[in-house]
Amino acid sequence: MKKTIALLFLLPLSIFMMPGAGPSGNKSAGYKYWSAAELKSMSRTLAHKSNARTSNQDLANWGADRALVVHRTGTGSAELHERDSDLMVIVSGAGTLVIGGSMPGSKTTAPGEVRGPSITGGDRQKIGPGDILHIPPKTPHQVVLEPGSQITYFTLKVKE
């Protein structure tokens, strides 16, 4: 949990640092940088990548943790991660996050990953550019979009 909270505060700072340079100006092993412009460009690329309602691009994998960009043109599946937290930064677009509640008809789709068609009884939160969300493990969540809308977000998956 402390790791997730630390990442929550450090992630926005890392977005504004110089590309490839650490605090002293030296390149640091393992350091990654994605500018806001680069993430928006990925949004356009992912929008044309597939006719599916959801497309994503892995950005980095650090063993336990990984980063990706997700672009949605339609409502996604409800999901729950047994061991991962999701730290999300909305890059563009808007939608509604449904969080909590239950996922009737859900199925395990991979080890530690559960998906379902929707959430019953969850709370609803409007989300848009610049918003930062932390979703702890074992928490049902779903990004819901109005017809014709789209959303792109950066996700850091953190093992708890």
C-alpha atoms as a PDB file:
ATOM      1  CA  MET A   1       0.000   0.000   0.000  1.00  0.00           C
ATOM      2  CA  LYS A   2       2.834   2.419   0.837  1.00  0.00           C
ATOM      3  CA  LYS A   3       4.353   1.651  -2.572  1.00  0.00           C
ATOM      4  CA  THR A   4       1.077   2.545  -4.312  1.00  0.00           C
ATOM      5  CA  ILE A   5       0.673   5.793  -2.377  1.00  0.00           C
ATOM      6  CA  ALA A   6       4.268   6.801  -3.173  1.00  0.00           C
ATOM      7  CA  LEU A   7       3.683   6.049  -6.873  1.00  0.00           C
ATOM      8  CA  LEU A   8       0.459   8.077  -6.800  1.00  0.00           C
ATOM      9  CA  PHE A   9       2.419  11.185  -5.817  1.00  0.00           C
ATOM     10  CA  LEU A  10       5.483  10.519  -7.970  1.00  0.00           C
ATOM     11  CA  LEU A  11       3.687   9.655 -11.229  1.00  0.00           C
ATOM     12  CA  PRO A  12       2.475  13.208 -12.023  1.00  0.00           C
ATOM     13  CA  LEU A  13       5.969  14.548 -11.295  1.00  0.00           C
ATOM     14  CA  SER A  14       7.588  12.038 -13.657  1.00  0.00           C
ATOM     15  CA  ILE A  15       5.382  13.166 -16.526  1.00  0.00           C
ATOM     16  CA  PHE A  16       6.982  16.634 -16.425  1.00  0.00           C
ATOM     17  CA  MET A  17      10.661  15.616 -16.077  1.00  0.00           C
ATOM     18  CA  MET A  18      13.178  15.870 -18.947  1.00  0.00           C
ATOM     19  CA  PRO A  19      13.153  12.841 -21.267  1.00  0.00           C
ATOM     20  CA  GLY A  20      15.758  10.240 -20.355  1.00  0.00           C
ATOM     21  CA  ALA A  21      17.368  12.392 -17.688  1.00  0.00           C
ATOM     22  CA  GLY A  22      17.402  11.836 -13.954  1.00  0.00           C
ATOM     23  CA  PRO A  23      17.456  14.676 -11.399  1.00  0.00           C
ATOM     24  CA  SER A  24      21.180  15.301 -11.960  1.00  0.00           C
ATOM     25  CA  GLY A  25      20.824  15.260 -15.745  1.00  0.00           C
ATOM     26  CA  ASN A  26      22.412  11.794 -15.993  1.00  0.00           C
ATOM     27  CA  LYS A  27      20.504   8.992 -17.619  1.00  0.00           C
ATOM     28  CA  SER A  28      19.279   6.631 -14.911  1.00  0.00           C
ATOM     29  CA  ALA A  29      18.906   2.887 -15.434  1.00  0.00           C
ATOM     30  CA  GLY A  30      15.249   1.910 -15.436  1.00  0.00           C
ATOM     31  CA  TYR A  31      13.997   5.498 -15.725  1.00  0.00           C
ATOM     32  CA  LYS A  32      11.043   5.932 -18.112  1.00  0.00           C
ATOM     33  CA  TYR A  33       9.437   9.104 -19.406  1.00  0.00           C
ATOM     34  CA  TRP A  34       6.297   9.641 -21.466  1.00  0.00           C
ATOM     35  CA  SER A  35       5.323  13.215 -22.284  1.00  0.00           C
ATOM     36  CA  ALA A  36       1.704  14.338 -22.336  1.00  0.00           C
ATOM     37  CA  ALA A  37       2.079  14.921 -26.098  1.00  0.00           C
ATOM     38  CA  GLU A  38       3.410  11.381 -26.589  1.00  0.00           C
ATOM     39  CA  LEU A  39       0.471   9.887 -24.668  1.00  0.00           C
ATOM     40  CA  LYS A  40      -1.992  11.923 -26.757  1.00  0.00           C
ATOM     41  CA  SER A  41      -0.254  10.733 -29.917  1.00  0.00           C
ATOM     42  CA  MET A  42      -0.640   7.133 -28.712  1.00  0.00           C
ATOM     43  CA  SER A  43      -4.332   7.856 -28.272  1.00  0.00           C
ATOM     44  CA  ARG A  44      -4.632   8.728 -31.971  1.00  0.00           C
ATOM     45  CA  THR A  45      -2.562   5.687 -32.995  1.00  0.00           C
ATOM     46  CA  LEU A  46      -4.633   3.312 -30.847  1.00  0.00           C
ATOM     47  CA  ALA A  47      -7.870   4.821 -32.169  1.00  0.00           C
ATOM     48  CA  HIS A  48      -6.889   3.660 -35.678  1.00  0.00           C
ATOM     49  CA  LYS A  49      -5.288   0.374 -34.576  1.00  0.00           C
ATOM     50  CA  SER A  50      -8.417  -1.724 -34.326  1.00  0.00           C
ATOM     51  CA  ASN A  51     -12.155  -1.766 -34.833  1.00  0.00           C
ATOM     52  CA  ALA A  52     -12.493  -3.194 -31.300  1.00  0.00           C
ATOM     53  CA  ARG A  53     -14.002  -1.028 -28.568  1.00  0.00           C
ATOM     54  CA  THR A  54     -10.758  -1.292 -26.591  1.00  0.00           C
ATOM     55  CA  SER A  55      -7.147  -1.215 -27.710  1.00  0.00           C
ATOM     56  CA  ASN A  56      -4.030  -0.872 -25.610  1.00  0.00           C
ATOM     57  CA  GLN A  57      -0.289  -0.603 -25.873  1.00  0.00           C
ATOM     58  CA  ASP A  58       2.173  -1.875 -23.286  1.00  0.00           C
ATOM     59  CA  LEU A  59       4.754   0.777 -22.417  1.00  0.00           C
ATOM     60  CA  ALA A  60       6.995  -0.923 -19.845  1.00  0.00           C
ATOM     61  CA  ASN A  61       7.208  -4.021 -17.681  1.00  0.00           C
ATOM     62  CA  TRP A  62       9.235  -3.979 -14.473  1.00  0.00           C
ATOM     63  CA  GLY A  63       8.458  -7.543 -13.388  1.00  0.00           C
ATOM     64  CA  ALA A  64       5.877  -6.944 -10.679  1.00  0.00           C
ATOM     65  CA  ASP A  65       4.584  -3.668 -12.154  1.00  0.00           C
ATOM     66  CA  ARG A  66       3.775  -2.585 -15.693  1.00  0.00           C
ATOM     67  CA  ALA A  67       2.575   0.477 -17.585  1.00  0.00           C
ATOM     68  CA  LEU A  68       0.192   0.684 -20.528  1.00  0.00           C
ATOM     69  CA  VAL A  69      -2.006   3.095 -22.458  1.00  0.00           C
ATOM     70  CA  VAL A  70      -5.649   2.135 -23.016  1.00  0.00           C
ATOM     71  CA  HIS A  71      -7.973   3.681 -25.607  1.00  0.00           C
ATOM     72  CA  ARG A  72     -11.702   2.947 -25.480  1.00  0.00           C
ATOM     73  CA  THR A  73     -14.430   3.835 -27.964  1.00  0.00           C
ATOM     74  CA  GLY A  74     -17.086   1.936 -26.023  1.00  0.00           C
ATOM     75  CA  THR A  75     -17.878   0.666 -22.560  1.00  0.00           C
ATOM     76  CA  GLY A  76     -15.384  -1.896 -21.321  1.00  0.00           C
ATOM     77  CA  SER A  77     -16.001  -5.096 -19.378  1.00  0.00           C
ATOM     78  CA  ALA A  78     -16.308  -4.976 -15.622  1.00  0.00           C
ATOM     79  CA  GLU A  79     -13.068  -6.218 -14.102  1.00  0.00           C
ATOM     80  CA  LEU A  80     -11.432  -7.130 -10.825  1.00  0.00           C
ATOM     81  CA  HIS A  81      -7.740  -7.813 -10.203  1.00  0.00           C
ATOM     82  CA  GLU A  82      -6.969 -10.124  -7.271  1.00  0.00           C
ATOM     83  CA  ARG A  83      -3.431  -8.804  -6.667  1.00  0.00           C
ATOM     84  CA  ASP A  84      -2.985  -5.630  -8.761  1.00  0.00           C
ATOM     85  CA  SER A  85      -3.865  -2.028  -8.056  1.00  0.00           C
ATOM     86  CA  ASP A  86      -4.594   0.178 -11.049  1.00  0.00           C
ATOM     87  CA  LEU A  87      -3.286   3.725 -10.973  1.00  0.00           C
ATOM     88  CA  MET A  88      -4.890   5.537 -13.898  1.00  0.00           C
ATOM     89  CA  VAL A  89      -4.270   8.998 -15.361  1.00  0.00           C
ATOM     90  CA  ILE A  90      -6.904  10.164 -17.850  1.00  0.00           C
ATOM     91  CA  VAL A  91      -5.153  11.542 -20.947  1.00  0.00           C
ATOM     92  CA  SER A  92      -8.122  12.544 -23.137  1.00  0.00           C
ATOM     93  CA  GLY A  93     -11.847  12.049 -23.488  1.00  0.00           C
ATOM     94  CA  ALA A  94     -14.368  11.437 -20.735  1.00  0.00           C
ATOM     95  CA  GLY A  95     -16.461   8.709 -19.214  1.00  0.00           C
ATOM     96  CA  THR A  96     -17.836   7.317 -16.000  1.00  0.00           C
ATOM     97  CA  LEU A  97     -16.007   4.954 -13.681  1.00  0.00           C
ATOM     98  CA  VAL A  98     -18.290   2.485 -11.904  1.00  0.00           C
ATOM     99  CA  ILE A  99     -16.477   1.267  -8.792  1.00  0.00           C
ATOM    100  CA  GLY A 100     -17.371  -1.282  -6.101  1.00  0.00           C
ATOM    101  CA  GLY A 101     -20.557  -3.318  -6.048  1.00  0.00           C
ATOM    102  CA  SER A 102     -20.695  -6.807  -7.529  1.00  0.00           C
ATOM    103  CA  MET A 103     -20.132  -8.392 -10.951  1.00  0.00           C
ATOM    104  CA  PRO A 104     -22.946 -10.864 -11.688  1.00  0.00           C
ATOM    105  CA  GLY A 105     -22.038 -13.427 -14.334  1.00  0.00           C
ATOM    106  CA  SER A 106     -18.299 -12.796 -13.925  1.00  0.00           C
ATOM    107  CA  LYS A 107     -15.657 -15.366 -14.854  1.00  0.00           C
ATOM    108  CA  THR A 108     -11.959 -15.815 -14.189  1.00  0.00           C
ATOM    109  CA  THR A 109     -10.246 -15.002 -17.499  1.00  0.00           C
ATOM    110  CA  ALA A 110      -6.614 -15.405 -16.379  1.00  0.00           C
ATOM    111  CA  PRO A 111      -4.880 -16.095 -13.073  1.00  0.00           C
ATOM    112  CA  GLY A 112      -5.933 -13.306 -10.685  1.00  0.00           C
ATOM    113  CA  GLU A 113      -8.156 -11.631 -13.324  1.00  0.00           C
ATOM    114  CA  VAL A 114     -11.973 -11.636 -13.244  1.00  0.00           C
ATOM    115  CA  ARG A 115     -14.218 -10.102 -15.935  1.00  0.00           C
ATOM    116  CA  GLY A 116     -17.958  -9.631 -16.192  1.00  0.00           C
ATOM    117  CA  PRO A 117     -20.508  -7.840 -18.359  1.00  0.00           C
ATOM    118  CA  SER A 118     -21.337  -5.110 -15.818  1.00  0.00           C
ATOM    119  CA  ILE A 119     -21.380  -3.967 -12.206  1.00  0.00           C
ATOM    120  CA  THR A 120     -24.429  -3.948  -9.958  1.00  0.00           C
ATOM    121  CA  GLY A 121     -24.623  -1.543  -7.023  1.00  0.00           C
ATOM    122  CA  GLY A 122     -21.350   0.324  -7.616  1.00  0.00           C
ATOM    123  CA  ASP A 123     -20.652   4.038  -7.176  1.00  0.00           C
ATOM    124  CA  ARG A 124     -20.360   6.246 -10.266  1.00  0.00           C
ATOM    125  CA  GLN A 125     -17.610   8.828 -10.812  1.00  0.00           C
ATOM    126  CA  LYS A 126     -17.321  11.105 -13.859  1.00  0.00           C
ATOM    127  CA  ILE A 127     -13.726  11.059 -15.168  1.00  0.00           C
ATOM    128  CA  GLY A 128     -11.869  13.297 -17.610  1.00  0.00           C
ATOM    129  CA  PRO A 129      -8.434  14.620 -18.649  1.00  0.00           C
ATOM    130  CA  GLY A 130      -5.977  15.082 -15.786  1.00  0.00           C
ATOM    131  CA  ASP A 131      -7.945  12.964 -13.313  1.00  0.00           C
ATOM    132  CA  ILE A 132      -5.926  10.391 -11.355  1.00  0.00           C
ATOM    133  CA  LEU A 133      -7.601   7.243 -10.028  1.00  0.00           C
ATOM    134  CA  HIS A 134      -6.351   4.537  -7.669  1.00  0.00           C
ATOM    135  CA  ILE A 135      -8.262   1.250  -7.749  1.00  0.00           C
ATOM    136  CA  PRO A 136      -7.119  -1.232  -5.084  1.00  0.00           C
ATOM    137  CA  PRO A 137      -7.002  -5.013  -5.620  1.00  0.00           C
ATOM    138  CA  LYS A 138     -10.258  -6.977  -5.365  1.00  0.00           C
ATOM    139  CA  THR A 139     -12.308  -3.909  -6.317  1.00  0.00           C
ATOM    140  CA  PRO A 140     -14.788  -4.265  -9.198  1.00  0.00           C
ATOM    141  CA  HIS A 141     -14.447  -1.426 -11.709  1.00  0.00           C
ATOM    142  CA  GLN A 142     -15.686  -0.557 -15.179  1.00  0.00           C
ATOM    143  CA  VAL A 143     -15.218   2.406 -17.527  1.00  0.00           C
ATOM    144  CA  VAL A 144     -18.591   3.311 -19.052  1.00  0.00           C
ATOM    145  CA  LEU A 145     -18.824   5.567 -22.121  1.00  0.00           C
ATOM    146  CA  GLU A 146     -21.719   7.402 -23.678  1.00  0.00           C
ATOM    147  CA  PRO A 147     -22.399   6.302 -27.295  1.00  0.00           C
ATOM    148  CA  GLY A 148     -20.003   8.043 -29.685  1.00  0.00           C
ATOM    149  CA  SER A 149     -17.513   9.076 -27.002  1.00  0.00           C
ATOM    150  CA  GLN A 150     -13.986   7.836 -26.334  1.00  0.00           C
ATOM    151  CA  ILE A 151     -11.367   7.924 -23.601  1.00  0.00           C
ATOM    152  CA  THR A 152      -7.625   7.306 -23.335  1.00  0.00           C
ATOM    153  CA  TYR A 153      -5.803   6.662 -20.078  1.00  0.00           C
ATOM    154  CA  PHE A 154      -2.367   5.726 -18.813  1.00  0.00           C
ATOM    155  CA  THR A 155      -2.471   2.785 -16.373  1.00  0.00           C
ATOM    156  CA  LEU A 156       0.204   1.689 -13.963  1.00  0.00           C
ATOM    157  CA  LYS A 157      -0.525  -1.825 -12.707  1.00  0.00           C
ATOM    158  CA  VAL A 158       1.089  -2.298  -9.297  1.00  0.00           C
ATOM    159  CA  LYS A 159       1.391  -5.651  -7.540  1.00  0.00           C
ATOM    160  CA  GLU A 160       0.196  -5.380  -3.947  1.00  0.00           C
END
